[in-house]
N, C-alpha and C. Protein backbone atom coordinates (compact mmCIF):
# COMPACT_ATOMS: atom_id res chain seq x y z
N MET A 1 131.69 84.46 98.54
CA MET A 1 131.63 84.98 99.90
C MET A 1 131.21 86.81 99.65
N GLU A 2 131.79 87.49 98.61
CA GLU A 2 131.72 88.80 98.64
C GLU A 2 130.50 89.26 98.14
N LEU A 3 129.75 88.24 97.47
CA LEU A 3 128.21 88.45 97.05
C LEU A 3 127.93 88.35 98.70
N VAL A 4 127.47 87.57 99.24
CA VAL A 4 127.13 87.17 100.66
C VAL A 4 126.88 88.22 101.52
N LYS A 5 128.50 88.90 101.32
CA LYS A 5 128.45 89.89 102.13
C LYS A 5 127.74 91.13 101.62
N ASN A 6 127.65 90.88 100.55
CA ASN A 6 127.09 92.43 99.64
C ASN A 6 125.75 92.29 99.83
N LEU A 7 124.39 91.23 100.06
CA LEU A 7 123.52 90.97 100.59
C LEU A 7 123.13 92.27 101.60
N ASP A 8 121.94 93.01 101.89
CA ASP A 8 121.40 93.38 103.14
C ASP A 8 120.71 92.76 103.61
N PHE A 9 120.34 91.56 103.58
CA PHE A 9 119.17 90.94 104.29
C PHE A 9 119.89 89.50 105.06
N ILE A 10 121.06 89.32 104.82
CA ILE A 10 122.02 88.41 104.99
C ILE A 10 122.95 88.98 106.68
N THR A 11 122.99 88.51 107.21
CA THR A 11 124.08 89.06 108.09
C THR A 11 124.87 87.99 108.63
N ILE A 12 126.35 88.32 108.81
CA ILE A 12 127.23 86.76 109.07
C ILE A 12 127.69 87.22 110.53
N GLN A 13 127.95 86.38 110.99
CA GLN A 13 128.10 86.16 112.44
C GLN A 13 129.88 85.92 112.46
N PRO A 14 130.39 86.61 113.14
CA PRO A 14 131.87 85.84 114.17
C PRO A 14 131.86 84.88 114.09
N GLU A 15 132.98 84.28 113.29
CA GLU A 15 133.29 82.56 113.49
C GLU A 15 133.27 82.17 115.40
N ASN A 16 133.85 82.86 115.85
CA ASN A 16 134.31 82.45 117.23
C ASN A 16 132.58 82.83 117.77
N THR A 17 131.41 83.33 117.91
CA THR A 17 130.79 83.31 117.93
C THR A 17 129.21 82.05 117.90
N VAL A 18 129.69 81.74 116.23
CA VAL A 18 129.31 80.21 115.77
C VAL A 18 129.68 79.11 116.38
N LYS A 19 131.04 79.16 116.57
CA LYS A 19 131.32 78.05 117.32
C LYS A 19 130.93 77.61 118.91
N LYS A 20 130.72 79.24 119.52
CA LYS A 20 130.06 79.07 120.79
C LYS A 20 128.65 78.52 121.07
N GLN A 21 128.22 79.12 119.34
CA GLN A 21 127.24 78.42 119.84
C GLN A 21 126.37 77.08 119.39
N GLN A 22 127.51 76.53 118.50
CA GLN A 22 127.65 74.91 118.33
C GLN A 22 128.09 74.10 119.42
N LEU A 23 129.09 74.71 119.85
CA LEU A 23 129.51 73.52 121.30
C LEU A 23 128.22 74.11 122.51
N LYS A 24 127.26 74.75 122.52
CA LYS A 24 126.86 74.95 124.05
C LYS A 24 125.42 74.07 123.14
N HIS A 25 125.05 73.82 121.90
CA HIS A 25 123.92 73.41 121.50
C HIS A 25 124.11 71.35 121.46
N ILE A 26 125.98 71.29 121.35
CA ILE A 26 126.26 70.01 121.49
C ILE A 26 126.14 70.01 122.93
N ALA A 27 126.31 70.88 124.07
CA ALA A 27 126.63 70.18 125.41
C ALA A 27 125.39 70.13 125.83
N GLU A 28 124.09 71.14 124.96
CA GLU A 28 123.07 70.40 125.77
C GLU A 28 122.72 69.41 125.08
N GLY A 29 122.79 69.05 123.86
CA GLY A 29 122.33 67.60 123.43
C GLY A 29 122.94 66.41 124.23
N MET A 30 124.09 66.79 124.99
CA MET A 30 124.43 65.51 125.68
C MET A 30 124.13 65.93 126.90
N GLN A 31 124.08 66.82 127.50
CA GLN A 31 122.99 66.72 128.68
C GLN A 31 121.47 65.84 128.77
N SER A 32 121.34 66.10 127.53
CA SER A 32 119.53 65.43 127.43
C SER A 32 119.84 63.95 127.34
N ALA A 33 120.95 63.53 126.46
CA ALA A 33 121.36 62.06 126.29
C ALA A 33 121.40 61.45 128.00
N VAL A 34 122.63 62.07 128.62
CA VAL A 34 122.84 61.64 130.16
C VAL A 34 121.08 61.52 130.76
N LEU A 35 120.27 63.03 130.76
CA LEU A 35 119.58 62.47 131.55
C LEU A 35 118.22 61.72 131.04
N ALA A 36 118.04 61.40 129.91
CA ALA A 36 117.52 60.59 129.34
C ALA A 36 118.08 59.03 129.87
N SER A 37 119.28 58.60 129.89
CA SER A 37 119.98 57.59 130.07
C SER A 37 119.84 57.04 131.66
N GLN A 38 119.40 58.27 132.02
CA GLN A 38 119.37 58.07 134.07
C GLN A 38 117.49 57.87 133.66
N GLY A 39 117.40 58.17 132.67
CA GLY A 39 115.57 57.86 133.12
C GLY A 39 114.68 58.76 133.42
N LYS A 40 115.71 60.29 133.73
CA LYS A 40 115.29 61.59 134.34
C LYS A 40 114.12 62.58 133.37
N ILE A 41 114.22 62.23 132.18
CA ILE A 41 113.66 62.89 131.11
C ILE A 41 113.05 61.91 129.94
N LYS A 42 112.35 62.10 129.38
CA LYS A 42 111.67 60.84 128.38
C LYS A 42 111.88 61.43 127.05
N SER A 43 112.59 59.99 126.56
CA SER A 43 113.20 59.73 125.23
C SER A 43 112.36 59.67 124.27
N ARG A 44 112.31 59.77 122.82
CA ARG A 44 111.55 59.14 121.71
C ARG A 44 112.52 57.96 121.09
N SER A 45 111.75 57.23 120.43
CA SER A 45 112.66 56.52 119.66
C SER A 45 112.96 57.45 118.46
N ALA A 46 114.33 56.88 117.53
CA ALA A 46 114.34 57.24 116.30
C ALA A 46 113.25 57.21 115.43
N LYS A 47 112.73 56.26 115.23
CA LYS A 47 111.89 56.18 114.44
C LYS A 47 110.74 57.18 114.27
N SER A 48 110.26 57.48 115.75
CA SER A 48 109.48 58.65 115.78
C SER A 48 110.58 59.95 115.42
N PHE A 49 111.39 60.40 115.55
CA PHE A 49 112.07 61.55 115.41
C PHE A 49 112.04 61.08 113.82
N LEU A 50 112.70 60.12 113.24
CA LEU A 50 112.52 60.21 111.67
C LEU A 50 111.16 60.24 111.16
N ASN A 51 110.33 60.15 111.40
CA ASN A 51 108.85 60.18 110.74
C ASN A 51 108.55 61.74 111.31
N GLU A 52 109.03 62.74 112.17
CA GLU A 52 108.57 63.94 112.23
C GLU A 52 108.78 64.89 111.23
N LEU A 53 110.07 64.24 110.52
CA LEU A 53 111.09 64.98 109.45
C LEU A 53 110.56 64.74 108.41
């Protein structure tokens, strides 16, 4: 970790900021899943998603 801290081009975010961002992304994903199950937004198949990777 000390090596990473000494590199100028890397910034380390406080842990609480990272957790907040992760929770925000999870909440957005869950909201999208709910909307897709209600038919309010269009979803795509898992095969389509994996082909994009």
